[in-house]
Amino acid sequence: MFLKVHCSPGAGDIVAVCDRELLNTTITHGELSVLISEAFYGNTPAAEEEVRAALKKADNINLMGKRAVGIAIDMGLITRSGCIMIGEIPHAQVYSL
């Protein structure tokens, strides 16, 4: 997986995680098209333990891919029904208000 933490003063940290094979690809579903970019998800490989640690501290979360979403489900941060599918790829966002 790839992991990037965006530090946003006033809004808290945003943790972005995507599955390795999705980085720098575009996924589509109907007219929706999403670029899974290195600019947003970073280029730093992360092991599952690193992803879990980052998610525990995150104020906001953006996840793309089966493994990334699966970790958050396993941690109880989201439910499978709280995810959307973009084609065959699960996507989830978590916001602290």
Protein backbone atom coordinates (compact mmCIF):
# COMPACT_ATOMS: atom_id res chain seq x y z
CA MET A 1 0.00 0.00 0.00
CA PHE A 2 0.97 3.63 -0.28
CA LEU A 3 0.43 6.10 2.55
CA LYS A 4 0.58 9.88 2.73
CA VAL A 5 -0.36 12.15 5.63
CA HIS A 6 -1.55 15.61 4.66
CA CYS A 7 -1.12 18.09 7.51
CA SER A 8 -3.86 20.69 7.40
CA PRO A 9 -3.82 23.37 10.11
CA GLY A 10 -7.28 23.77 11.55
CA ALA A 11 -8.68 20.72 9.76
CA GLY A 12 -6.41 18.06 11.27
CA ASP A 13 -4.36 15.42 9.55
CA ILE A 14 -5.74 13.64 6.50
CA VAL A 15 -4.43 10.10 6.04
CA ALA A 16 -4.60 8.85 2.44
CA VAL A 17 -4.02 5.15 1.73
CA CYS A 18 -4.31 3.23 -1.52
CA ASP A 19 -3.49 -0.30 -2.59
CA ARG A 20 -0.12 -0.55 -4.33
CA GLU A 21 -1.44 -1.62 -7.73
CA LEU A 22 -3.85 1.31 -7.92
CA LEU A 23 -1.30 4.12 -7.67
CA ASN A 24 -1.19 6.33 -10.77
CA THR A 25 -4.18 4.64 -12.38
CA THR A 26 -7.61 5.95 -13.28
CA ILE A 27 -10.70 3.97 -12.33
CA THR A 28 -14.11 4.56 -13.84
CA HIS A 29 -17.71 3.71 -13.19
CA GLY A 30 -20.22 5.07 -15.67
CA GLU A 31 -19.37 8.74 -16.14
CA LEU A 32 -17.35 8.89 -12.90
CA SER A 33 -13.58 8.84 -13.36
CA VAL A 34 -11.11 8.96 -10.44
CA LEU A 35 -7.34 9.41 -10.77
CA ILE A 36 -5.51 7.66 -7.93
CA SER A 37 -2.50 9.94 -7.99
CA GLU A 38 0.89 9.92 -6.36
CA ALA A 39 0.29 13.59 -5.54
CA PHE A 40 -2.52 12.63 -3.15
CA TYR A 41 -1.64 9.08 -2.01
CA GLY A 42 2.12 9.59 -2.00
CA ASN A 43 4.90 7.31 -3.14
CA THR A 44 5.93 5.92 0.25
CA PRO A 45 5.27 2.19 0.56
CA ALA A 46 3.67 1.29 3.88
CA ALA A 47 3.23 -2.03 5.66
CA GLU A 48 -0.07 -2.90 7.27
CA GLU A 49 1.24 -1.99 10.75
CA GLU A 50 2.20 1.49 9.52
CA VAL A 51 -1.22 1.98 7.95
CA ARG A 52 -2.97 0.90 11.15
CA ALA A 53 -0.84 3.30 13.25
CA ALA A 54 -1.58 6.22 10.92
CA LEU A 55 -5.32 5.47 10.84
CA LYS A 56 -5.46 5.41 14.66
CA LYS A 57 -4.13 8.98 14.78
CA ALA A 58 -6.01 10.37 11.77
CA ASP A 59 -8.54 13.16 11.94
CA ASN A 60 -9.76 12.40 8.42
CA ILE A 61 -9.21 9.34 6.22
CA ASN A 62 -9.33 8.62 2.48
CA LEU A 63 -9.01 4.96 1.44
CA MET A 64 -8.88 3.38 -1.99
CA GLY A 65 -8.65 -0.35 -2.63
CA LYS A 66 -9.57 -3.69 -1.10
CA ARG A 67 -6.63 -3.95 1.30
CA ALA A 68 -6.75 -0.33 2.48
CA VAL A 69 -10.50 -0.42 3.06
CA GLY A 70 -10.26 -3.89 4.63
CA ILE A 71 -7.86 -2.65 7.31
CA ALA A 72 -10.22 0.16 8.32
CA ILE A 73 -13.14 -2.29 8.45
CA ASP A 74 -11.07 -4.67 10.60
CA MET A 75 -10.22 -1.76 12.94
CA GLY A 76 -13.92 -0.86 13.29
CA LEU A 77 -13.44 2.58 11.74
CA ILE A 78 -15.93 1.92 8.93
CA THR A 79 -18.39 -0.72 7.82
CA ARG A 80 -18.51 -2.42 4.44
CA SER A 81 -21.92 -0.81 3.84
CA GLY A 82 -20.34 2.59 4.47
CA CYS A 83 -18.08 2.19 1.44
CA ILE A 84 -18.83 2.95 -2.16
CA MET A 85 -17.68 0.94 -5.14
CA ILE A 86 -16.08 2.65 -8.09
CA GLY A 87 -16.22 -0.14 -10.59
CA GLU A 88 -14.67 -3.06 -8.69
CA ILE A 89 -12.66 -0.84 -6.31
CA PRO A 90 -13.94 -0.03 -2.79
CA HIS A 91 -13.51 3.56 -1.58
CA ALA A 92 -14.19 5.11 1.81
CA GLN A 93 -13.80 8.46 3.47
CA VAL A 94 -13.99 9.22 7.18
CA TYR A 95 -14.33 12.74 8.52
CA SER A 96 -14.11 13.99 12.08
CA LEU A 97 -16.53 16.80 12.70
